[in-house]
Amino acid sequence: MLQTQPSRFGSILLLLSAVVGFAVALYAWLTPLTGVTGTIGALGVAIDCVVLALLTFLLRRASRRGTRIFLIIVTFVMLFGIAFAGALLHQYIITAAMVVGLIGLIALCSNSARPHHRAHV
């Protein structure tokens, strides 16, 4: 299946936000003096970012409308939850990464909202 430019761009942004969120959360969980070293919150955000990356791949492969809508809603809830947890952990880079991920999700959704009709020549 060929991906259009907004879809590819949205997927890359969403995946990039998951990778950045995972890296920052893992750094905060492992590094002493971050204030959240060894806490379940930092580890939870790292695990949630892995789930977000998996949702990105599932969303790219989903072809049915109902499945796509379900995955978009779950991805949106995950983005909001990770951003909120990042703010509570005082790791604002995670929150900023999830805002970038939201932009990617919007780009991904705007592509799927358009009807795919071919012009008859």
N, C-alpha and C. Protein backbone atom coordinates (compact mmCIF):
# COMPACT_ATOMS: atom_id res chain seq x y z
N MET A 1 0.84 -1.17 0.00
CA MET A 1 0.00 0.00 0.00
C MET A 1 0.89 1.24 0.00
N LEU A 2 0.67 2.12 -0.95
CA LEU A 2 1.45 3.34 -1.03
C LEU A 2 0.95 4.35 -0.01
N GLN A 3 1.87 4.99 0.68
CA GLN A 3 1.54 6.02 1.65
C GLN A 3 1.67 7.37 0.97
N THR A 4 0.69 8.26 1.23
CA THR A 4 0.80 9.60 0.69
C THR A 4 1.72 10.42 1.58
N GLN A 5 2.08 11.60 1.11
CA GLN A 5 3.04 12.43 1.83
C GLN A 5 2.55 12.83 3.22
N PRO A 6 1.30 13.33 3.42
CA PRO A 6 0.87 13.67 4.77
C PRO A 6 0.83 12.46 5.69
N SER A 7 0.47 11.30 5.16
CA SER A 7 0.42 10.09 5.98
C SER A 7 1.82 9.68 6.43
N ARG A 8 2.77 9.72 5.54
CA ARG A 8 4.14 9.37 5.87
C ARG A 8 4.72 10.38 6.87
N PHE A 9 4.47 11.66 6.63
CA PHE A 9 4.94 12.71 7.52
C PHE A 9 4.33 12.55 8.92
N GLY A 10 3.04 12.27 8.99
CA GLY A 10 2.37 12.07 10.27
C GLY A 10 2.90 10.86 11.01
N SER A 11 3.15 9.79 10.29
CA SER A 11 3.70 8.58 10.92
C SER A 11 5.09 8.82 11.46
N ILE A 12 5.90 9.54 10.70
CA ILE A 12 7.26 9.83 11.15
C ILE A 12 7.24 10.71 12.39
N LEU A 13 6.38 11.73 12.41
CA LEU A 13 6.29 12.60 13.59
C LEU A 13 5.81 11.82 14.81
N LEU A 14 4.83 10.97 14.62
CA LEU A 14 4.29 10.19 15.73
C LEU A 14 5.34 9.21 16.26
N LEU A 15 6.05 8.57 15.38
CA LEU A 15 7.09 7.64 15.79
C LEU A 15 8.26 8.38 16.45
N LEU A 16 8.62 9.53 15.92
CA LEU A 16 9.69 10.34 16.50
C LEU A 16 9.33 10.79 17.92
N SER A 17 8.08 11.18 18.14
CA SER A 17 7.67 11.60 19.48
C SER A 17 7.73 10.43 20.45
N ALA A 18 7.38 9.23 20.00
CA ALA A 18 7.47 8.06 20.87
C ALA A 18 8.91 7.74 21.23
N VAL A 19 9.81 7.84 20.27
CA VAL A 19 11.22 7.55 20.53
C VAL A 19 11.83 8.58 21.48
N VAL A 20 11.54 9.86 21.25
CA VAL A 20 12.06 10.91 22.14
C VAL A 20 11.49 10.76 23.54
N GLY A 21 10.20 10.50 23.63
CA GLY A 21 9.58 10.30 24.95
C GLY A 21 10.18 9.12 25.68
N PHE A 22 10.42 8.03 24.96
CA PHE A 22 11.04 6.85 25.58
C PHE A 22 12.44 7.16 26.07
N ALA A 23 13.23 7.85 25.24
CA ALA A 23 14.61 8.16 25.62
C ALA A 23 14.67 9.07 26.84
N VAL A 24 13.84 10.10 26.87
CA VAL A 24 13.85 11.03 28.00
C VAL A 24 13.33 10.36 29.26
N ALA A 25 12.28 9.56 29.15
CA ALA A 25 11.74 8.86 30.32
C ALA A 25 12.74 7.84 30.86
N LEU A 26 13.41 7.14 29.98
CA LEU A 26 14.42 6.17 30.42
C LEU A 26 15.60 6.88 31.07
N TYR A 27 16.00 8.01 30.52
CA TYR A 27 17.07 8.81 31.11
C TYR A 27 16.66 9.28 32.51
N ALA A 28 15.43 9.77 32.64
CA ALA A 28 14.96 10.25 33.95
C ALA A 28 14.86 9.11 34.95
N TRP A 29 14.52 7.92 34.47
CA TRP A 29 14.36 6.77 35.37
C TRP A 29 15.71 6.24 35.84
N LEU A 30 16.72 6.31 34.98
CA LEU A 30 18.02 5.72 35.31
C LEU A 30 19.01 6.69 35.94
N THR A 31 18.92 7.98 35.64
CA THR A 31 19.93 8.94 36.07
C THR A 31 19.64 9.47 37.46
N PRO A 32 20.63 9.43 38.33
CA PRO A 32 20.43 10.01 39.67
C PRO A 32 20.22 11.52 39.61
N LEU A 33 19.55 12.04 40.59
CA LEU A 33 19.30 13.47 40.78
C LEU A 33 18.36 14.09 39.75
N THR A 34 17.56 13.28 39.06
CA THR A 34 16.54 13.85 38.19
C THR A 34 15.25 14.11 38.96
N GLY A 35 15.16 13.56 40.15
CA GLY A 35 13.96 13.71 40.96
C GLY A 35 12.97 12.59 40.77
N VAL A 36 13.12 11.82 39.72
CA VAL A 36 12.21 10.71 39.45
C VAL A 36 12.97 9.41 39.22
N THR A 37 14.20 9.36 39.72
CA THR A 37 15.04 8.18 39.53
C THR A 37 14.39 6.96 40.18
N GLY A 38 14.18 5.93 39.42
CA GLY A 38 13.65 4.68 39.93
C GLY A 38 12.17 4.69 40.26
N THR A 39 11.44 5.73 39.86
CA THR A 39 10.01 5.79 40.17
C THR A 39 9.20 5.02 39.13
N ILE A 40 8.03 4.59 39.58
CA ILE A 40 7.15 3.84 38.68
C ILE A 40 6.58 4.76 37.59
N GLY A 41 6.48 6.05 37.87
CA GLY A 41 5.95 6.99 36.88
C GLY A 41 6.85 7.12 35.67
N ALA A 42 8.14 7.26 35.90
CA ALA A 42 9.08 7.38 34.78
C ALA A 42 9.14 6.09 33.98
N LEU A 43 9.13 4.96 34.69
CA LEU A 43 9.13 3.67 33.99
C LEU A 43 7.83 3.48 33.20
N GLY A 44 6.72 3.91 33.79
CA GLY A 44 5.43 3.81 33.11
C GLY A 44 5.38 4.62 31.83
N VAL A 45 5.96 5.82 31.87
CA VAL A 45 6.00 6.65 30.67
C VAL A 45 6.87 6.00 29.59
N ALA A 46 7.98 5.40 29.99
CA ALA A 46 8.84 4.72 29.02
C ALA A 46 8.09 3.56 28.36
N ILE A 47 7.37 2.79 29.16
CA ILE A 47 6.60 1.67 28.61
C ILE A 47 5.47 2.18 27.72
N ASP A 48 4.81 3.25 28.14
CA ASP A 48 3.74 3.83 27.33
C ASP A 48 4.25 4.35 25.99
N CYS A 49 5.46 4.85 25.97
CA CYS A 49 6.04 5.32 24.70
C CYS A 49 6.30 4.15 23.74
N VAL A 50 6.68 3.00 24.29
CA VAL A 50 6.83 1.81 23.44
C VAL A 50 5.48 1.40 22.87
N VAL A 51 4.44 1.45 23.70
CA VAL A 51 3.08 1.13 23.23
C VAL A 51 2.64 2.13 22.17
N LEU A 52 3.00 3.41 22.34
CA LEU A 52 2.67 4.43 21.35
C LEU A 52 3.35 4.14 20.01
N ALA A 53 4.59 3.68 20.05
CA ALA A 53 5.29 3.31 18.81
C ALA A 53 4.59 2.13 18.13
N LEU A 54 4.16 1.15 18.92
CA LEU A 54 3.43 0.02 18.35
C LEU A 54 2.10 0.47 17.75
N LEU A 55 1.41 1.39 18.42
CA LEU A 55 0.16 1.92 17.87
C LEU A 55 0.39 2.65 16.56
N THR A 56 1.52 3.31 16.43
CA THR A 56 1.85 4.01 15.19
C THR A 56 1.96 3.02 14.03
N PHE A 57 2.64 1.90 14.28
CA PHE A 57 2.77 0.89 13.23
C PHE A 57 1.43 0.23 12.92
N LEU A 58 0.62 -0.01 13.94
CA LEU A 58 -0.71 -0.58 13.70
C LEU A 58 -1.60 0.39 12.92
N LEU A 59 -1.47 1.66 13.23
CA LEU A 59 -2.29 2.67 12.55
C LEU A 59 -1.91 2.79 11.08
N ARG A 60 -0.63 2.63 10.79
CA ARG A 60 -0.20 2.66 9.38
C ARG A 60 -0.75 1.48 8.60
N ARG A 61 -0.89 0.33 9.26
CA ARG A 61 -1.32 -0.88 8.56
C ARG A 61 -2.84 -1.05 8.54
N ALA A 62 -3.57 -0.31 9.37
CA ALA A 62 -5.02 -0.49 9.47
C ALA A 62 -5.69 -0.03 8.17
N SER A 63 -6.60 -0.85 7.69
CA SER A 63 -7.28 -0.50 6.44
C SER A 63 -8.78 -0.30 6.64
N ARG A 64 -9.36 -0.96 7.61
CA ARG A 64 -10.80 -0.80 7.85
C ARG A 64 -11.05 0.51 8.59
N ARG A 65 -12.17 1.12 8.27
CA ARG A 65 -12.50 2.43 8.84
C ARG A 65 -12.70 2.34 10.35
N GLY A 66 -13.42 1.35 10.82
CA GLY A 66 -13.68 1.21 12.24
C GLY A 66 -12.41 0.97 13.04
N THR A 67 -11.53 0.15 12.50
CA THR A 67 -10.27 -0.12 13.16
C THR A 67 -9.41 1.14 13.22
N ARG A 68 -9.39 1.89 12.12
CA ARG A 68 -8.61 3.13 12.09
C ARG A 68 -9.13 4.13 13.11
N ILE A 69 -10.44 4.29 13.18
CA ILE A 69 -11.02 5.24 14.14
C ILE A 69 -10.69 4.82 15.56
N PHE A 70 -10.81 3.53 15.86
CA PHE A 70 -10.48 3.02 17.20
C PHE A 70 -9.02 3.30 17.54
N LEU A 71 -8.12 3.01 16.60
CA LEU A 71 -6.69 3.23 16.85
C LEU A 71 -6.35 4.72 16.97
N ILE A 72 -7.04 5.57 16.24
CA ILE A 72 -6.82 7.01 16.34
C ILE A 72 -7.24 7.50 17.72
N ILE A 73 -8.37 7.02 18.22
CA ILE A 73 -8.84 7.43 19.55
C ILE A 73 -7.90 6.93 20.63
N VAL A 74 -7.47 5.68 20.54
CA VAL A 74 -6.55 5.13 21.53
C VAL A 74 -5.22 5.87 21.49
N THR A 75 -4.74 6.20 20.30
CA THR A 75 -3.48 6.94 20.17
C THR A 75 -3.61 8.34 20.76
N PHE A 76 -4.74 8.99 20.54
CA PHE A 76 -4.97 10.31 21.11
C PHE A 76 -4.98 10.26 22.64
N VAL A 77 -5.64 9.27 23.20
CA VAL A 77 -5.67 9.13 24.66
C VAL A 77 -4.27 8.84 25.20
N MET A 78 -3.51 8.02 24.49
CA MET A 78 -2.14 7.73 24.91
C MET A 78 -1.28 8.99 24.86
N LEU A 79 -1.41 9.78 23.80
CA LEU A 79 -0.64 11.02 23.70
C LEU A 79 -0.96 11.97 24.85
N PHE A 80 -2.24 12.12 25.13
CA PHE A 80 -2.65 13.00 26.22
C PHE A 80 -2.15 12.49 27.57
N GLY A 81 -2.27 11.18 27.79
CA GLY A 81 -1.82 10.60 29.05
C GLY A 81 -0.32 10.71 29.26
N ILE A 82 0.45 10.45 28.22
CA ILE A 82 1.90 10.55 28.33
C ILE A 82 2.32 12.01 28.54
N ALA A 83 1.67 12.94 27.84
CA ALA A 83 2.00 14.36 28.01
C ALA A 83 1.69 14.81 29.44
N PHE A 84 0.56 14.38 29.98
CA PHE A 84 0.19 14.75 31.35
C PHE A 84 1.16 14.14 32.35
N ALA A 85 1.52 12.88 32.15
CA ALA A 85 2.48 12.22 33.05
C ALA A 85 3.85 12.89 32.96
N GLY A 86 4.25 13.29 31.76
CA GLY A 86 5.52 13.99 31.60
C GLY A 86 5.52 15.32 32.35
N ALA A 87 4.39 16.01 32.33
CA ALA A 87 4.29 17.27 33.06
C ALA A 87 4.34 17.02 34.57
N LEU A 88 3.70 15.96 35.03
CA LEU A 88 3.73 15.64 36.46
C LEU A 88 5.14 15.22 36.90
N LEU A 89 5.89 14.62 36.01
CA LEU A 89 7.26 14.21 36.32
C LEU A 89 8.25 15.37 36.17
N HIS A 90 7.77 16.54 35.75
CA HIS A 90 8.61 17.71 35.47
C HIS A 90 9.62 17.41 34.37
N GLN A 91 9.24 16.58 33.45
CA GLN A 91 10.04 16.28 32.26
C GLN A 91 9.29 16.87 31.06
N TYR A 92 9.44 18.18 30.89
CA TYR A 92 8.64 18.89 29.90
C TYR A 92 9.04 18.58 28.46
N ILE A 93 10.19 17.98 28.28
CA ILE A 93 10.57 17.54 26.93
C ILE A 93 9.62 16.44 26.46
N ILE A 94 9.20 15.59 27.39
CA ILE A 94 8.23 14.54 27.05
C ILE A 94 6.91 15.17 26.61
N THR A 95 6.47 16.19 27.36
CA THR A 95 5.22 16.86 27.00
C THR A 95 5.34 17.52 25.63
N ALA A 96 6.46 18.16 25.35
CA ALA A 96 6.66 18.79 24.04
C ALA A 96 6.70 17.74 22.93
N ALA A 97 7.31 16.59 23.21
CA ALA A 97 7.36 15.52 22.21
C ALA A 97 5.96 15.00 21.90
N MET A 98 5.10 14.94 22.91
CA MET A 98 3.74 14.46 22.67
C MET A 98 2.90 15.48 21.91
N VAL A 99 3.22 16.77 22.05
CA VAL A 99 2.55 17.79 21.23
C VAL A 99 2.95 17.60 19.77
N VAL A 100 4.22 17.30 19.53
CA VAL A 100 4.68 16.99 18.16
C VAL A 100 3.97 15.73 17.66
N GLY A 101 3.80 14.75 18.54
CA GLY A 101 3.07 13.54 18.16
C GLY A 101 1.62 13.83 17.82
N LEU A 102 1.01 14.77 18.53
CA LEU A 102 -0.37 15.16 18.23
C LEU A 102 -0.45 15.80 16.85
N ILE A 103 0.53 16.60 16.49
CA ILE A 103 0.58 17.18 15.14
C ILE A 103 0.69 16.07 14.10
N GLY A 104 1.51 15.05 14.40
CA GLY A 104 1.62 13.92 13.49
C GLY A 104 0.32 13.14 13.38
N LEU A 105 -0.38 12.97 14.50
CA LEU A 105 -1.67 12.27 14.46
C LEU A 105 -2.69 13.05 13.65
N ILE A 106 -2.68 14.37 13.78
CA ILE A 106 -3.59 15.20 12.98
C ILE A 106 -3.27 15.06 11.49
N ALA A 107 -1.99 15.06 11.15
CA ALA A 107 -1.60 14.88 9.75
C ALA A 107 -2.01 13.50 9.24
N LEU A 108 -1.89 12.51 10.09
CA LEU A 108 -2.30 11.16 9.72
C LEU A 108 -3.81 11.06 9.54
N CYS A 109 -4.56 11.74 10.41
CA CYS A 109 -6.02 11.71 10.33
C CYS A 109 -6.54 12.52 9.15
N SER A 110 -5.89 13.64 8.84
CA SER A 110 -6.36 14.46 7.74
C SER A 110 -6.23 13.72 6.42
N ASN A 111 -5.25 12.85 6.33
CA ASN A 111 -5.10 12.05 5.12
C ASN A 111 -6.19 11.00 5.03
N SER A 112 -6.56 10.40 6.15
CA SER A 112 -7.56 9.33 6.11
C SER A 112 -8.97 9.87 5.98
N ALA A 113 -9.16 11.18 6.24
CA ALA A 113 -10.49 11.76 6.14
C ALA A 113 -10.88 12.06 4.69
N ARG A 114 -9.91 12.21 3.83
CA ARG A 114 -10.18 12.52 2.43
C ARG A 114 -10.63 11.27 1.68
N PRO A 115 -11.64 11.40 0.86
CA PRO A 115 -12.02 10.25 0.04
C PRO A 115 -10.96 9.95 -1.01
N HIS A 116 -10.74 8.70 -1.27
CA HIS A 116 -9.70 8.30 -2.23
C HIS A 116 -10.37 7.94 -3.56
N HIS A 117 -10.71 8.96 -4.33
CA HIS A 117 -11.33 8.75 -5.64
C HIS A 117 -10.32 9.09 -6.72
N ARG A 118 -10.30 8.28 -7.73
CA ARG A 118 -9.44 8.56 -8.87
C ARG A 118 -10.24 9.35 -9.90
N ALA A 119 -9.58 10.31 -10.51
CA ALA A 119 -10.21 11.08 -11.57
C ALA A 119 -10.23 10.25 -12.85
N HIS A 120 -11.36 10.25 -13.51
CA HIS A 120 -11.47 9.49 -14.76
C HIS A 120 -10.96 10.37 -15.90
N VAL A 121 -10.01 9.83 -16.64
CA VAL A 121 -9.41 10.59 -17.74
C VAL A 121 -9.90 10.07 -19.04
